[in-house]
Amino acid sequence: MSATAAPATTTDLSEKQQRILAYLREAAATETYFKSRAIGEELGLSAKEVGTNMGAICEGDFDIDVEKWGYSSGTTWMVTT
């Protein structure tokens, strides 16, 4: 029998991850692409902190889809609802 991890839910996220997810949910209504640096500036986090915490959001089962999109001049995330 193989064990697979269930996708993360909002209760599984850290406080930083919950803040990032809430920001993306709100901002995805008008934008699709987000730089880690820009998310960090909005939330008082570094781009590295954003990138480190995005993994749980990308792998989780939420009402938005987040995909790492590009790396030129910083990581870009594509967010769709």
C-alpha atoms as a PDB file:
ATOM      1  CA  MET A   1       0.000   0.000   0.000  1.00  0.00           C
ATOM      2  CA  SER A   2       1.500   3.333  -0.989  1.00  0.00           C
ATOM      3  CA  ALA A   3       0.963   6.460   1.034  1.00  0.00           C
ATOM      4  CA  THR A   4       0.472   9.764  -0.719  1.00  0.00           C
ATOM      5  CA  ALA A   5       0.367  13.090   1.032  1.00  0.00           C
ATOM      6  CA  ALA A   6      -2.902  14.960   0.837  1.00  0.00           C
ATOM      7  CA  PRO A   7      -2.741  18.453  -0.686  1.00  0.00           C
ATOM      8  CA  ALA A   8      -2.358  21.261   1.829  1.00  0.00           C
ATOM      9  CA  THR A   9      -5.412  23.088   3.106  1.00  0.00           C
ATOM     10  CA  THR A  10      -5.513  26.579   4.594  1.00  0.00           C
ATOM     11  CA  THR A  11      -5.236  25.112   8.098  1.00  0.00           C
ATOM     12  CA  ASP A  12      -1.954  23.449   7.058  1.00  0.00           C
ATOM     13  CA  LEU A  13      -0.372  26.761   6.008  1.00  0.00           C
ATOM     14  CA  SER A  14       1.899  28.932   8.115  1.00  0.00           C
ATOM     15  CA  GLU A  15       0.924  32.519   8.874  1.00  0.00           C
ATOM     16  CA  LYS A  16       3.150  33.806   6.042  1.00  0.00           C
ATOM     17  CA  GLN A  17       1.695  31.306   3.598  1.00  0.00           C
ATOM     18  CA  GLN A  18      -1.848  32.294   4.584  1.00  0.00           C
ATOM     19  CA  ARG A  19      -0.991  35.966   4.014  1.00  0.00           C
ATOM     20  CA  ILE A  20       0.466  35.211   0.578  1.00  0.00           C
ATOM     21  CA  LEU A  21      -2.563  33.096  -0.364  1.00  0.00           C
ATOM     22  CA  ALA A  22      -4.991  35.814   0.758  1.00  0.00           C
ATOM     23  CA  TYR A  23      -3.063  38.418  -1.247  1.00  0.00           C
ATOM     24  CA  LEU A  24      -3.038  36.242  -4.373  1.00  0.00           C
ATOM     25  CA  ARG A  25      -6.757  35.459  -4.073  1.00  0.00           C
ATOM     26  CA  GLU A  26      -7.573  39.161  -3.987  1.00  0.00           C
ATOM     27  CA  ALA A  27      -5.067  40.305  -6.610  1.00  0.00           C
ATOM     28  CA  ALA A  28      -5.820  37.467  -9.064  1.00  0.00           C
ATOM     29  CA  ALA A  29      -9.126  39.162  -9.869  1.00  0.00           C
ATOM     30  CA  THR A  30      -7.227  41.798 -11.855  1.00  0.00           C
ATOM     31  CA  GLU A  31      -3.777  40.286 -12.522  1.00  0.00           C
ATOM     32  CA  THR A  32      -2.346  36.963 -13.667  1.00  0.00           C
ATOM     33  CA  TYR A  33       1.428  37.257 -13.241  1.00  0.00           C
ATOM     34  CA  PHE A  34       3.204  38.169 -10.020  1.00  0.00           C
ATOM     35  CA  LYS A  35       6.868  38.654  -9.186  1.00  0.00           C
ATOM     36  CA  SER A  36       8.065  37.343  -5.822  1.00  0.00           C
ATOM     37  CA  ARG A  37       9.618  40.750  -5.217  1.00  0.00           C
ATOM     38  CA  ALA A  38       6.298  42.566  -5.769  1.00  0.00           C
ATOM     39  CA  ILE A  39       4.373  40.176  -3.511  1.00  0.00           C
ATOM     40  CA  GLY A  40       7.011  40.654  -0.845  1.00  0.00           C
ATOM     41  CA  GLU A  41       6.831  44.432  -1.089  1.00  0.00           C
ATOM     42  CA  GLU A  42       3.059  44.308  -0.580  1.00  0.00           C
ATOM     43  CA  LEU A  43       3.305  41.981   2.421  1.00  0.00           C
ATOM     44  CA  GLY A  44       6.502  43.160   4.103  1.00  0.00           C
ATOM     45  CA  LEU A  45       8.420  40.004   3.153  1.00  0.00           C
ATOM     46  CA  SER A  46      11.578  39.430   1.148  1.00  0.00           C
ATOM     47  CA  ALA A  47      11.388  37.872  -2.308  1.00  0.00           C
ATOM     48  CA  LYS A  48      13.221  34.861  -0.871  1.00  0.00           C
ATOM     49  CA  GLU A  49      10.596  34.441   1.880  1.00  0.00           C
ATOM     50  CA  VAL A  50       7.848  34.556  -0.744  1.00  0.00           C
ATOM     51  CA  GLY A  51       9.587  31.974  -2.936  1.00  0.00           C
ATOM     52  CA  THR A  52      10.244  29.679   0.001  1.00  0.00           C
ATOM     53  CA  ASN A  53       6.595  29.768   1.068  1.00  0.00           C
ATOM     54  CA  MET A  54       5.029  29.447  -2.389  1.00  0.00           C
ATOM     55  CA  GLY A  55       5.692  25.707  -2.583  1.00  0.00           C
ATOM     56  CA  ALA A  56       2.924  24.876  -0.123  1.00  0.00           C
ATOM     57  CA  ILE A  57       0.530  27.130  -2.021  1.00  0.00           C
ATOM     58  CA  CYS A  58       1.465  25.629  -5.404  1.00  0.00           C
ATOM     59  CA  GLU A  59       0.970  22.089  -4.115  1.00  0.00           C
ATOM     60  CA  GLY A  60      -2.156  22.801  -2.077  1.00  0.00           C
ATOM     61  CA  ASP A  61      -5.776  22.349  -3.025  1.00  0.00           C
ATOM     62  CA  PHE A  62      -7.088  25.913  -3.069  1.00  0.00           C
ATOM     63  CA  ASP A  63      -9.499  27.982  -5.135  1.00  0.00           C
ATOM     64  CA  ILE A  64      -6.588  29.385  -7.157  1.00  0.00           C
ATOM     65  CA  ASP A  65      -3.869  27.672  -9.166  1.00  0.00           C
ATOM     66  CA  VAL A  66      -0.302  28.920  -8.789  1.00  0.00           C
ATOM     67  CA  GLU A  67       2.452  27.888 -11.180  1.00  0.00           C
ATOM     68  CA  LYS A  68       6.092  28.942 -11.307  1.00  0.00           C
ATOM     69  CA  TRP A  69       6.278  30.741 -14.637  1.00  0.00           C
ATOM     70  CA  GLY A  70       9.660  32.352 -15.177  1.00  0.00           C
ATOM     71  CA  TYR A  71      12.992  33.317 -13.647  1.00  0.00           C
ATOM     72  CA  SER A  72      14.227  36.339 -15.575  1.00  0.00           C
ATOM     73  CA  SER A  73      15.015  39.119 -13.113  1.00  0.00           C
ATOM     74  CA  GLY A  74      13.298  37.187 -10.306  1.00  0.00           C
ATOM     75  CA  THR A  75      10.708  34.452 -10.106  1.00  0.00           C
ATOM     76  CA  THR A  76       7.344  35.094 -11.730  1.00  0.00           C
ATOM     77  CA  TRP A  77       4.212  33.205 -10.660  1.00  0.00           C
ATOM     78  CA  MET A  78       1.163  32.642 -12.849  1.00  0.00           C
ATOM     79  CA  VAL A  79      -2.042  32.691 -10.801  1.00  0.00           C
ATOM     80  CA  THR A  80      -5.401  31.607 -12.199  1.00  0.00           C
ATOM     81  CA  THR A  81      -8.776  31.285 -10.578  1.00  0.00           C
END
